[in-house]
């Protein structure tokens, strides 16, 4: 019982020490701070190495003996990574990644040695809010234009219908008038003409 309890405690400490993971969402083209802090209180920056990697292999940044090193940095991260040297004494080895690309999505790992602390950050990239707003504004403008064209076509249809009704009513009036005139006109029968001749 005691051995099982000790094993559980040791396992929990190791998991906490070995891997801490968090998930971060950021906008395309923006920037994000990827957190990495040591739990060791007596850590000295001059004796510490920190290795930031993307998806396990791409070299994002190295912090060697309290100084940021970009010698082995992958080209896609050149001039895009900022470190915080003033924070090293506090055990904070977080980095800021600027000008985010869709290819930046994935897992960023931060290995602190000699303490062997591994922390990971899952980064997901989304379309920026400003772009979404401009797209939705464009979509609204397009919908308004379509609605205006629909309204215009409705008015044209209504005008044509009124014009057709007007023409039909005039035609009906003319037909009615012509028929009435025919009824009023006197008709001469052959019998009446014979009476007049006699």
N, C-alpha and C. Protein backbone atom coordinates (compact mmCIF):
# COMPACT_ATOMS: atom_id res chain seq x y z
N UNK A 1 0.82 -1.19 0.00
CA UNK A 1 0.00 0.00 0.00
C UNK A 1 0.87 1.26 0.00
N UNK A 2 1.86 1.29 0.91
CA UNK A 2 2.75 2.44 1.01
C UNK A 2 3.59 2.57 -0.26
N UNK A 3 4.05 1.43 -0.79
CA UNK A 3 4.87 1.43 -2.02
C UNK A 3 4.06 1.98 -3.18
N UNK A 4 2.79 1.57 -3.30
CA UNK A 4 1.91 2.05 -4.37
C UNK A 4 1.69 3.54 -4.28
N UNK A 5 1.52 4.03 -3.06
CA UNK A 5 1.30 5.46 -2.84
C UNK A 5 2.55 6.26 -3.22
N UNK A 6 3.72 5.74 -2.81
CA UNK A 6 4.99 6.40 -3.16
C UNK A 6 5.20 6.41 -4.67
N UNK A 7 4.90 5.27 -5.31
CA UNK A 7 5.05 5.18 -6.77
C UNK A 7 4.17 6.22 -7.47
N UNK A 8 2.93 6.39 -7.00
CA UNK A 8 2.00 7.36 -7.59
C UNK A 8 2.53 8.77 -7.43
N UNK A 9 3.06 9.10 -6.25
CA UNK A 9 3.60 10.44 -6.00
C UNK A 9 4.80 10.73 -6.89
N UNK A 10 5.72 9.75 -6.98
CA UNK A 10 6.92 9.91 -7.81
C UNK A 10 6.52 10.08 -9.28
N UNK A 11 5.55 9.26 -9.74
CA UNK A 11 5.08 9.32 -11.11
C UNK A 11 4.47 10.69 -11.42
N UNK A 12 3.68 11.22 -10.47
CA UNK A 12 3.05 12.54 -10.65
C UNK A 12 4.09 13.63 -10.73
N UNK A 13 5.11 13.55 -9.87
CA UNK A 13 6.19 14.55 -9.89
C UNK A 13 6.94 14.49 -11.21
N UNK A 14 7.25 13.27 -11.67
CA UNK A 14 7.98 13.11 -12.94
C UNK A 14 7.18 13.66 -14.12
N UNK A 15 5.89 13.36 -14.15
CA UNK A 15 5.05 13.88 -15.24
C UNK A 15 5.04 15.39 -15.22
N UNK A 16 4.92 15.96 -14.02
CA UNK A 16 4.89 17.41 -13.87
C UNK A 16 6.22 18.01 -14.31
N UNK A 17 7.30 17.32 -13.98
CA UNK A 17 8.63 17.82 -14.30
C UNK A 17 8.98 17.59 -15.76
N UNK A 18 8.58 16.46 -16.28
CA UNK A 18 8.97 16.10 -17.64
C UNK A 18 8.16 16.85 -18.69
N UNK A 19 6.85 16.96 -18.54
CA UNK A 19 6.06 17.52 -19.62
C UNK A 19 4.86 18.31 -19.11
N UNK A 20 4.85 19.59 -19.44
CA UNK A 20 3.69 20.44 -19.20
C UNK A 20 3.22 20.93 -20.57
N UNK A 21 1.96 20.74 -20.88
CA UNK A 21 1.47 21.13 -22.20
C UNK A 21 0.33 22.12 -22.08
N UNK A 22 0.34 23.10 -22.96
CA UNK A 22 -0.76 24.04 -23.04
C UNK A 22 -1.10 24.28 -24.51
N UNK A 23 -2.30 24.78 -24.74
CA UNK A 23 -2.75 25.06 -26.11
C UNK A 23 -2.96 26.55 -26.26
N UNK A 24 -2.46 27.09 -27.37
CA UNK A 24 -2.57 28.53 -27.64
C UNK A 24 -3.12 28.72 -29.04
N UNK A 25 -4.03 29.71 -29.17
CA UNK A 25 -4.55 30.07 -30.50
C UNK A 25 -4.09 31.48 -30.81
N UNK A 26 -3.68 31.70 -32.06
CA UNK A 26 -3.21 33.03 -32.47
C UNK A 26 -3.64 33.32 -33.90
N UNK A 27 -3.66 34.61 -34.24
CA UNK A 27 -4.09 35.04 -35.57
C UNK A 27 -2.93 35.01 -36.55
N UNK A 28 -3.25 34.67 -37.79
CA UNK A 28 -2.27 34.72 -38.87
C UNK A 28 -1.73 36.14 -39.00
N UNK A 29 -0.40 36.27 -39.15
CA UNK A 29 0.21 37.58 -39.29
C UNK A 29 0.48 38.28 -37.97
N UNK A 30 -0.07 37.75 -36.88
CA UNK A 30 0.12 38.37 -35.57
C UNK A 30 1.33 37.81 -34.85
N UNK A 31 1.31 37.89 -33.52
CA UNK A 31 2.42 37.34 -32.73
C UNK A 31 1.85 36.61 -31.53
N UNK A 32 2.69 35.76 -30.93
CA UNK A 32 2.26 34.97 -29.78
C UNK A 32 3.45 34.72 -28.86
N UNK A 33 3.18 34.70 -27.56
CA UNK A 33 4.22 34.35 -26.59
C UNK A 33 4.02 32.89 -26.21
N UNK A 34 5.08 32.11 -26.40
CA UNK A 34 5.07 30.70 -26.04
C UNK A 34 5.78 30.55 -24.71
N UNK A 35 5.05 30.11 -23.71
CA UNK A 35 5.56 30.09 -22.34
C UNK A 35 6.44 28.87 -22.04
N UNK A 36 7.49 29.15 -21.29
CA UNK A 36 8.36 28.08 -20.80
C UNK A 36 9.09 28.59 -19.56
N UNK A 37 8.79 28.00 -18.41
CA UNK A 37 9.42 28.42 -17.16
C UNK A 37 9.90 27.20 -16.40
N UNK A 38 11.04 27.36 -15.77
CA UNK A 38 11.60 26.28 -14.97
C UNK A 38 10.99 26.29 -13.56
N UNK A 39 10.81 25.10 -13.03
CA UNK A 39 10.31 24.98 -11.65
C UNK A 39 11.46 24.95 -10.65
N UNK A 40 12.69 24.87 -11.17
CA UNK A 40 13.88 24.85 -10.32
C UNK A 40 14.14 26.27 -9.79
N UNK A 41 14.34 26.39 -8.49
CA UNK A 41 14.55 27.72 -7.90
C UNK A 41 16.02 28.15 -7.93
N UNK A 42 16.91 27.19 -7.92
CA UNK A 42 18.34 27.54 -7.87
C UNK A 42 19.00 27.44 -9.25
N UNK A 43 18.22 27.57 -10.30
CA UNK A 43 18.74 27.47 -11.66
C UNK A 43 19.56 28.72 -12.00
N UNK A 44 20.76 28.52 -12.52
CA UNK A 44 21.61 29.65 -12.89
C UNK A 44 21.69 29.71 -14.41
N UNK A 45 21.33 30.86 -15.01
CA UNK A 45 21.32 30.97 -16.48
C UNK A 45 22.65 30.59 -17.13
N UNK A 46 23.79 30.90 -16.47
CA UNK A 46 25.10 30.59 -17.07
C UNK A 46 25.38 29.10 -17.14
N UNK A 47 24.62 28.31 -16.38
CA UNK A 47 24.79 26.84 -16.40
C UNK A 47 23.62 26.14 -17.11
N UNK A 48 22.77 26.91 -17.78
CA UNK A 48 21.53 26.35 -18.33
C UNK A 48 21.52 26.44 -19.85
N UNK A 49 20.93 25.42 -20.45
CA UNK A 49 20.68 25.42 -21.90
C UNK A 49 19.19 25.18 -22.13
N UNK A 50 18.61 25.96 -23.03
CA UNK A 50 17.19 25.82 -23.37
C UNK A 50 17.08 25.64 -24.88
N UNK A 51 16.35 24.63 -25.30
CA UNK A 51 16.23 24.33 -26.73
C UNK A 51 14.74 24.36 -27.13
N UNK A 52 14.40 25.31 -27.96
CA UNK A 52 13.04 25.40 -28.49
C UNK A 52 12.99 24.70 -29.84
N UNK A 53 12.04 23.77 -30.00
CA UNK A 53 11.89 23.04 -31.25
C UNK A 53 10.43 23.07 -31.69
N UNK A 54 10.25 23.01 -33.01
CA UNK A 54 8.89 22.97 -33.58
C UNK A 54 8.68 21.61 -34.22
N UNK A 55 7.60 20.95 -33.83
CA UNK A 55 7.26 19.60 -34.33
C UNK A 55 8.43 18.62 -34.19
N UNK A 56 9.20 18.80 -33.13
CA UNK A 56 10.25 17.85 -32.78
C UNK A 56 11.57 18.02 -33.49
N UNK A 57 11.63 18.74 -34.61
CA UNK A 57 12.89 18.78 -35.35
C UNK A 57 13.36 20.18 -35.75
N UNK A 58 12.45 21.06 -36.09
CA UNK A 58 12.86 22.39 -36.56
C UNK A 58 13.38 23.23 -35.39
N UNK A 59 14.57 23.79 -35.59
CA UNK A 59 15.21 24.58 -34.53
C UNK A 59 14.64 26.00 -34.56
N UNK A 60 13.93 26.34 -33.49
CA UNK A 60 13.31 27.66 -33.39
C UNK A 60 14.27 28.63 -32.72
N UNK A 61 14.84 28.19 -31.59
CA UNK A 61 15.71 29.07 -30.82
C UNK A 61 16.47 28.25 -29.79
N UNK A 62 17.70 28.63 -29.51
CA UNK A 62 18.48 28.03 -28.43
C UNK A 62 18.92 29.16 -27.49
N UNK A 63 18.86 28.89 -26.21
CA UNK A 63 19.38 29.83 -25.22
C UNK A 63 20.50 29.09 -24.48
N UNK A 64 21.74 29.50 -24.77
CA UNK A 64 22.91 28.80 -24.24
C UNK A 64 23.63 29.72 -23.25
N UNK A 65 23.75 29.25 -22.03
CA UNK A 65 24.45 29.97 -20.96
C UNK A 65 23.99 31.43 -20.85
N UNK A 66 22.67 31.60 -20.86
CA UNK A 66 22.09 32.93 -20.65
C UNK A 66 22.10 33.84 -21.86
N UNK A 67 22.43 33.29 -23.05
CA UNK A 67 22.44 34.11 -24.27
C UNK A 67 21.68 33.40 -25.38
N UNK A 68 20.90 34.18 -26.12
CA UNK A 68 20.13 33.63 -27.24
C UNK A 68 21.08 33.30 -28.39
N UNK A 69 20.93 32.11 -28.94
CA UNK A 69 21.79 31.67 -30.04
C UNK A 69 20.93 31.36 -31.27
N UNK A 70 21.30 31.96 -32.40
CA UNK A 70 20.55 31.73 -33.64
C UNK A 70 21.43 31.06 -34.71
N UNK A 71 22.57 30.54 -34.31
CA UNK A 71 23.52 29.93 -35.27
C UNK A 71 22.88 28.76 -36.03
N UNK A 72 22.17 27.90 -35.31
CA UNK A 72 21.59 26.71 -35.94
C UNK A 72 20.09 26.87 -36.24
N UNK A 73 19.59 28.09 -36.06
CA UNK A 73 18.16 28.36 -36.22
C UNK A 73 17.70 28.10 -37.66
N UNK A 74 16.55 27.43 -37.81
CA UNK A 74 15.99 27.21 -39.15
C UNK A 74 15.64 28.56 -39.79
N UNK A 75 15.81 28.63 -41.11
CA UNK A 75 15.65 29.90 -41.83
C UNK A 75 14.25 30.50 -41.70
N UNK A 76 13.25 29.65 -41.54
CA UNK A 76 11.88 30.18 -41.46
C UNK A 76 11.61 30.97 -40.18
N UNK A 77 12.54 30.86 -39.20
CA UNK A 77 12.36 31.60 -37.93
C UNK A 77 13.29 32.80 -37.81
N UNK A 78 14.11 33.04 -38.84
CA UNK A 78 15.05 34.16 -38.80
C UNK A 78 14.29 35.47 -38.61
N UNK A 79 14.77 36.27 -37.67
CA UNK A 79 14.20 37.60 -37.36
C UNK A 79 12.73 37.57 -36.94
N UNK A 80 12.26 36.41 -36.50
CA UNK A 80 10.87 36.30 -36.07
C UNK A 80 10.74 35.91 -34.60
N UNK A 81 11.86 35.55 -33.96
CA UNK A 81 11.82 35.07 -32.58
C UNK A 81 12.47 36.08 -31.64
N UNK A 82 11.75 36.41 -30.57
CA UNK A 82 12.28 37.29 -29.53
C UNK A 82 12.38 36.50 -28.23
N UNK A 83 13.47 36.75 -27.48
CA UNK A 83 13.61 36.15 -26.15
C UNK A 83 13.56 37.27 -25.11
N UNK A 84 13.51 36.89 -23.84
CA UNK A 84 13.41 37.86 -22.76
C UNK A 84 14.56 37.65 -21.76
N UNK A 85 15.77 38.15 -22.10
CA UNK A 85 16.97 37.92 -21.26
C UNK A 85 16.80 38.37 -19.81
N UNK A 86 16.02 39.43 -19.57
CA UNK A 86 15.83 39.91 -18.20
C UNK A 86 15.08 38.90 -17.34
N UNK A 87 14.40 37.96 -17.99
CA UNK A 87 13.58 36.98 -17.26
C UNK A 87 14.34 35.68 -16.96
N UNK A 88 15.53 35.51 -17.54
CA UNK A 88 16.26 34.25 -17.37
C UNK A 88 16.55 33.95 -15.90
N UNK A 89 16.90 34.98 -15.13
CA UNK A 89 17.21 34.78 -13.71
C UNK A 89 16.01 34.23 -12.94
N UNK A 90 14.81 34.54 -13.42
CA UNK A 90 13.59 34.03 -12.78
C UNK A 90 13.21 32.64 -13.30
N UNK A 91 14.01 32.13 -14.22
CA UNK A 91 13.72 30.81 -14.79
C UNK A 91 12.69 30.86 -15.91
N UNK A 92 12.46 32.05 -16.44
CA UNK A 92 11.49 32.23 -17.52
C UNK A 92 12.23 32.25 -18.87
N UNK A 93 11.98 31.23 -19.69
CA UNK A 93 12.65 31.12 -20.99
C UNK A 93 11.63 31.17 -22.14
N UNK A 94 10.56 31.90 -21.91
CA UNK A 94 9.51 32.05 -22.92
C UNK A 94 10.06 32.79 -24.13
N UNK A 95 9.41 32.58 -25.28
CA UNK A 95 9.80 33.28 -26.50
C UNK A 95 8.56 33.91 -27.13
N UNK A 96 8.81 34.93 -27.94
CA UNK A 96 7.72 35.56 -28.69
C UNK A 96 7.96 35.29 -30.17
N UNK A 97 6.96 34.74 -30.83
CA UNK A 97 7.05 34.43 -32.26
C UNK A 97 6.20 35.43 -33.02
N UNK A 98 6.84 36.16 -33.94
CA UNK A 98 6.16 37.23 -34.69
C UNK A 98 5.82 36.80 -36.12
N UNK A 99 4.97 37.60 -36.75
CA UNK A 99 4.58 37.39 -38.16
C UNK A 99 4.17 35.93 -38.39
N UNK A 100 3.18 35.50 -37.65
CA UNK A 100 2.76 34.09 -37.68
C UNK A 100 2.28 33.64 -39.06
N UNK A 101 2.69 32.43 -39.43
CA UNK A 101 2.29 31.81 -40.69
C UNK A 101 1.46 30.57 -40.38
N UNK A 102 0.73 30.09 -41.38
CA UNK A 102 -0.04 28.86 -41.19
C UNK A 102 0.88 27.67 -40.88
N UNK A 103 2.11 27.73 -41.40
CA UNK A 103 3.07 26.64 -41.18
C UNK A 103 3.58 26.59 -39.73
N UNK A 104 3.32 27.64 -38.96
CA UNK A 104 3.74 27.66 -37.56
C UNK A 104 2.86 26.80 -36.66
N UNK A 105 1.72 26.39 -37.17
CA UNK A 105 0.82 25.56 -36.36
C UNK A 105 1.51 24.25 -36.01
N UNK A 106 1.25 23.76 -34.82
CA UNK A 106 1.84 22.49 -34.40
C UNK A 106 2.38 22.58 -32.99
N UNK A 107 3.26 21.65 -32.65
CA UNK A 107 3.77 21.55 -31.29
C UNK A 107 5.14 22.20 -31.15
N UNK A 108 5.24 23.12 -30.20
CA UNK A 108 6.52 23.73 -29.85
C UNK A 108 6.96 23.14 -28.51
N UNK A 109 8.19 22.66 -28.48
CA UNK A 109 8.70 22.08 -27.23
C UNK A 109 9.87 22.90 -26.73
N UNK A 110 9.94 22.97 -25.40
CA UNK A 110 11.00 23.72 -24.73
C UNK A 110 11.68 22.77 -23.75
N UNK A 111 12.93 22.44 -24.02
CA UNK A 111 13.69 21.53 -23.15
C UNK A 111 14.71 22.35 -22.36
N UNK A 112 14.59 22.28 -21.05
CA UNK A 112 15.52 22.99 -20.17
C UNK A 112 16.47 21.96 -19.56
N UNK A 113 17.78 22.20 -19.76
CA UNK A 113 18.74 21.29 -19.14
C UNK A 113 19.75 22.11 -18.33
N UNK A 114 20.30 21.56 -17.29
CA UNK A 114 20.39 20.15 -16.93
C UNK A 114 19.19 19.61 -16.14
N UNK A 115 18.14 20.43 -15.91
CA UNK A 115 17.02 19.95 -15.09
C UNK A 115 16.10 18.99 -15.84
N UNK A 116 16.30 18.83 -17.14
CA UNK A 116 15.51 17.91 -17.99
C UNK A 116 14.01 18.20 -17.95
N UNK A 117 13.65 19.46 -17.84
CA UNK A 117 12.24 19.83 -17.87
C UNK A 117 11.82 20.00 -19.33
N UNK A 118 10.73 19.37 -19.69
CA UNK A 118 10.20 19.48 -21.05
C UNK A 118 8.79 20.06 -20.98
N UNK A 119 8.62 21.16 -21.66
CA UNK A 119 7.29 21.78 -21.72
C UNK A 119 6.90 21.93 -23.18
N UNK A 120 5.63 21.69 -23.48
CA UNK A 120 5.17 21.79 -24.86
C UNK A 120 3.99 22.74 -24.96
N UNK A 121 3.92 23.41 -26.09
CA UNK A 121 2.82 24.32 -26.39
C UNK A 121 2.25 23.92 -27.75
N UNK A 122 0.96 23.68 -27.78
CA UNK A 122 0.28 23.36 -29.03
C UNK A 122 -0.25 24.67 -29.60
N UNK A 123 0.26 25.05 -30.76
CA UNK A 123 -0.14 26.32 -31.37
C UNK A 123 -1.06 26.08 -32.55
N UNK A 124 -2.20 26.75 -32.54
CA UNK A 124 -3.09 26.68 -33.71
C UNK A 124 -3.25 28.09 -34.26
N UNK A 125 -3.20 28.19 -35.57
CA UNK A 125 -3.26 29.48 -36.26
C UNK A 125 -4.65 29.64 -36.87
N UNK A 126 -5.26 30.79 -36.62
CA UNK A 126 -6.58 31.06 -37.21
C UNK A 126 -6.52 32.35 -37.99
N UNK A 127 -7.51 32.53 -38.84
CA UNK A 127 -7.58 33.75 -39.64
C UNK A 127 -7.82 34.92 -38.71
N UNK A 128 -7.17 36.05 -39.02
CA UNK A 128 -7.27 37.20 -38.12
C UNK A 128 -8.68 37.77 -38.11
N UNK A 129 -9.05 38.37 -36.99
CA UNK A 129 -10.38 38.95 -36.80
C UNK A 129 -10.60 40.08 -37.80
N UNK A 130 -9.55 40.88 -38.05
CA UNK A 130 -9.68 42.01 -38.99
C UNK A 130 -10.03 41.50 -40.38
N UNK A 131 -9.36 40.41 -40.81
CA UNK A 131 -9.65 39.85 -42.13
C UNK A 131 -11.07 39.30 -42.18
N UNK A 132 -11.48 38.65 -41.08
CA UNK A 132 -12.84 38.12 -41.03
C UNK A 132 -13.85 39.24 -41.14
N UNK A 133 -13.58 40.36 -40.41
CA UNK A 133 -14.50 41.50 -40.43
C UNK A 133 -14.56 42.10 -41.82
N UNK A 134 -13.39 42.24 -42.49
CA UNK A 134 -13.39 42.82 -43.84
C UNK A 134 -14.11 41.90 -44.81
N UNK A 135 -13.93 40.56 -44.62
CA UNK A 135 -14.64 39.61 -45.47
C UNK A 135 -16.13 39.70 -45.25
N UNK A 136 -16.53 39.79 -43.96
CA UNK A 136 -17.97 39.86 -43.68
C UNK A 136 -18.55 41.17 -44.19
N UNK A 137 -17.76 42.28 -44.14
CA UNK A 137 -18.21 43.56 -44.69
C UNK A 137 -18.37 43.45 -46.20
N UNK A 138 -17.39 42.82 -46.86
CA UNK A 138 -17.49 42.61 -48.31
C UNK A 138 -18.71 41.76 -48.64
N UNK A 139 -18.93 40.72 -47.84
CA UNK A 139 -20.08 39.84 -48.07
C UNK A 139 -21.38 40.61 -47.88
N UNK A 140 -21.43 41.45 -46.83
CA UNK A 140 -22.63 42.26 -46.59
C UNK A 140 -22.87 43.22 -47.75
N UNK A 141 -21.77 43.86 -48.24
CA UNK A 141 -21.90 44.78 -49.38
C UNK A 141 -22.41 44.05 -50.61
N UNK A 142 -21.90 42.84 -50.83
CA UNK A 142 -22.34 42.05 -51.97
C UNK A 142 -23.81 41.68 -51.82
N UNK A 143 -24.20 41.30 -50.59
CA UNK A 143 -25.60 40.96 -50.35
C UNK A 143 -26.49 42.17 -50.55
N UNK A 144 -26.02 43.37 -50.10
CA UNK A 144 -26.79 44.60 -50.29
C UNK A 144 -26.95 44.90 -51.77
N UNK A 145 -25.86 44.72 -52.55
CA UNK A 145 -25.92 44.96 -53.99
C UNK A 145 -26.92 44.00 -54.64
N UNK A 146 -26.85 42.72 -54.23
CA UNK A 146 -27.79 41.74 -54.78
C UNK A 146 -29.22 42.10 -54.39
N UNK A 147 -29.41 42.54 -53.14
CA UNK A 147 -30.75 42.93 -52.69
C UNK A 147 -31.25 44.14 -53.49
N UNK A 148 -30.34 45.11 -53.76
CA UNK A 148 -30.72 46.28 -54.56
C UNK A 148 -31.13 45.87 -55.96
N UNK A 149 -30.36 44.93 -56.55
CA UNK A 149 -30.69 44.48 -57.90
C UNK A 149 -32.02 43.73 -57.91
N UNK A 150 -32.28 42.97 -56.83
CA UNK A 150 -33.56 42.27 -56.72
C UNK A 150 -34.69 43.29 -56.59
N UNK A 151 -34.48 44.34 -55.75
CA UNK A 151 -35.49 45.40 -55.60
C UNK A 151 -35.75 46.09 -56.92
N UNK A 152 -34.67 46.39 -57.68
CA UNK A 152 -34.81 47.05 -58.97
C UNK A 152 -35.60 46.17 -59.93
N UNK A 153 -35.28 44.89 -59.97
CA UNK A 153 -36.01 43.99 -60.87
C UNK A 153 -37.47 43.87 -60.44
N UNK A 154 -37.75 43.92 -59.13
CA UNK A 154 -39.13 43.90 -58.65
C UNK A 154 -39.89 45.14 -59.12
N UNK A 155 -39.23 46.30 -59.03
CA UNK A 155 -39.88 47.53 -59.48
C UNK A 155 -40.16 47.50 -60.98
N UNK A 156 -39.20 46.98 -61.73
CA UNK A 156 -39.39 46.87 -63.19
C UNK A 156 -40.58 45.96 -63.48
N UNK A 157 -40.67 44.85 -62.77
CA UNK A 157 -41.78 43.92 -62.96
C UNK A 157 -43.11 44.59 -62.62
N UNK A 158 -43.14 45.33 -61.51
CA UNK A 158 -44.38 46.02 -61.10
C UNK A 158 -44.78 47.06 -62.15
N UNK A 159 -43.80 47.84 -62.62
CA UNK A 159 -44.10 48.86 -63.65
C UNK A 159 -44.64 48.22 -64.93
N UNK A 160 -44.00 47.11 -65.33
CA UNK A 160 -44.48 46.41 -66.53
C UNK A 160 -45.90 45.88 -66.34
N UNK A 161 -46.19 45.36 -65.15
CA UNK A 161 -47.53 44.85 -64.87
C UNK A 161 -48.55 45.97 -64.90
N UNK A 162 -48.22 47.13 -64.30
CA UNK A 162 -49.14 48.28 -64.33
C UNK A 162 -49.35 48.76 -65.76
N UNK A 163 -48.29 48.83 -66.53
CA UNK A 163 -48.39 49.26 -67.93
C UNK A 163 -49.26 48.31 -68.73
N UNK A 164 -49.09 47.02 -68.52
CA UNK A 164 -49.89 46.01 -69.22
C UNK A 164 -51.36 46.14 -68.83
N UNK A 165 -51.64 46.33 -67.56
CA UNK A 165 -53.02 46.53 -67.11
C UNK A 165 -53.63 47.78 -67.73
N UNK A 166 -52.84 48.84 -67.82
CA UNK A 166 -53.30 50.10 -68.42
C UNK A 166 -53.67 49.89 -69.89
N UNK A 167 -52.78 49.19 -70.62
CA UNK A 167 -53.03 48.92 -72.04
C UNK A 167 -54.27 48.04 -72.20
N UNK A 168 -54.39 47.01 -71.35
CA UNK A 168 -55.57 46.13 -71.42
C UNK A 168 -56.85 46.88 -71.12
N UNK A 169 -56.82 47.78 -70.14
CA UNK A 169 -58.03 48.55 -69.81
C UNK A 169 -58.41 49.48 -70.94
N UNK A 170 -57.43 50.09 -71.60
CA UNK A 170 -57.72 50.95 -72.76
C UNK A 170 -58.32 50.11 -73.89
N UNK A 171 -57.72 48.95 -74.14
CA UNK A 171 -58.23 48.06 -75.19
C UNK A 171 -59.67 47.64 -74.88
N UNK A 172 -59.96 47.29 -73.62
CA UNK A 172 -61.33 46.91 -73.21
C UNK A 172 -62.29 48.07 -73.41
N UNK A 173 -61.85 49.27 -73.04
CA UNK A 173 -62.70 50.46 -73.21
C UNK A 173 -63.01 50.71 -74.69
N UNK A 174 -62.02 50.57 -75.56
CA UNK A 174 -62.21 50.79 -77.00
C UNK A 174 -63.19 49.76 -77.56
N UNK A 175 -63.01 48.51 -77.17
CA UNK A 175 -63.91 47.44 -77.64
C UNK A 175 -65.34 47.71 -77.17
N UNK A 176 -65.47 48.10 -75.89
CA UNK A 176 -66.79 48.39 -75.32
C UNK A 176 -67.44 49.56 -76.07
N UNK A 177 -66.67 50.60 -76.30
CA UNK A 177 -67.18 51.79 -76.99
C UNK A 177 -67.63 51.46 -78.41
N UNK A 178 -66.83 50.66 -79.12
CA UNK A 178 -67.17 50.27 -80.49
C UNK A 178 -68.45 49.45 -80.52
N UNK A 179 -68.63 48.54 -79.64
CA UNK A 179 -69.85 47.71 -79.59
C UNK A 179 -71.08 48.56 -79.27
N UNK A 180 -70.94 49.50 -78.37
CA UNK A 180 -72.04 50.37 -77.99
C UNK A 180 -72.47 51.24 -79.17
N UNK A 181 -71.50 51.70 -79.93
CA UNK A 181 -71.77 52.56 -81.08
C UNK A 181 -72.52 51.77 -82.15
N UNK A 182 -72.14 50.50 -82.32
CA UNK A 182 -72.81 49.66 -83.31
C UNK A 182 -74.27 49.45 -82.93
N UNK A 183 -74.56 49.28 -81.64
CA UNK A 183 -75.93 49.07 -81.18
C UNK A 183 -76.78 50.32 -81.41
N UNK A 184 -76.22 51.52 -81.23
CA UNK A 184 -76.97 52.75 -81.39
C UNK A 184 -77.22 53.10 -82.86
N UNK A 185 -76.38 52.67 -83.74
CA UNK A 185 -76.53 53.01 -85.17
C UNK A 185 -77.81 52.38 -85.72
N UNK A 186 -78.71 53.18 -86.47
CA UNK A 186 -79.97 52.63 -87.02
C UNK A 186 -79.69 51.64 -88.13
N UNK A 187 -80.45 50.62 -88.09
CA UNK A 187 -80.31 49.62 -89.14
C UNK A 187 -81.50 49.73 -90.08
N UNK A 188 -81.27 49.69 -91.36
CA UNK A 188 -82.33 49.80 -92.37
C UNK A 188 -82.69 48.43 -92.86
N UNK A 189 -83.96 48.07 -92.61
CA UNK A 189 -84.41 46.76 -93.09
C UNK A 189 -85.02 46.91 -94.47
N UNK A 190 -85.06 45.88 -95.32
CA UNK A 190 -85.61 45.97 -96.69
C UNK A 190 -87.09 46.32 -96.66
N UNK A 191 -87.83 45.91 -95.63
CA UNK A 191 -89.27 46.18 -95.57
C UNK A 191 -89.53 47.67 -95.45
N UNK A 192 -88.70 48.39 -94.66
CA UNK A 192 -88.89 49.82 -94.47
C UNK A 192 -88.63 50.57 -95.75
N UNK A 193 -87.66 50.14 -96.51
CA UNK A 193 -87.36 50.82 -97.77
C UNK A 193 -88.48 50.63 -98.78
N UNK A 194 -89.11 49.46 -98.75
CA UNK A 194 -90.22 49.21 -99.68
C UNK A 194 -91.42 50.10 -99.32
N UNK A 195 -91.68 50.30 -98.04
CA UNK A 195 -92.81 51.16 -97.62
C UNK A 195 -92.58 52.59 -98.08
N UNK A 196 -91.35 53.06 -97.97
CA UNK A 196 -91.05 54.42 -98.36
C UNK A 196 -91.22 54.62 -99.84
N UNK A 197 -90.94 53.59 -100.64
CA UNK A 197 -91.05 53.71 -102.10
C UNK A 197 -92.51 53.78 -102.52
N UNK A 198 -93.36 53.14 -101.84
CA UNK A 198 -94.78 53.16 -102.21
C UNK A 198 -95.34 54.47 -101.81
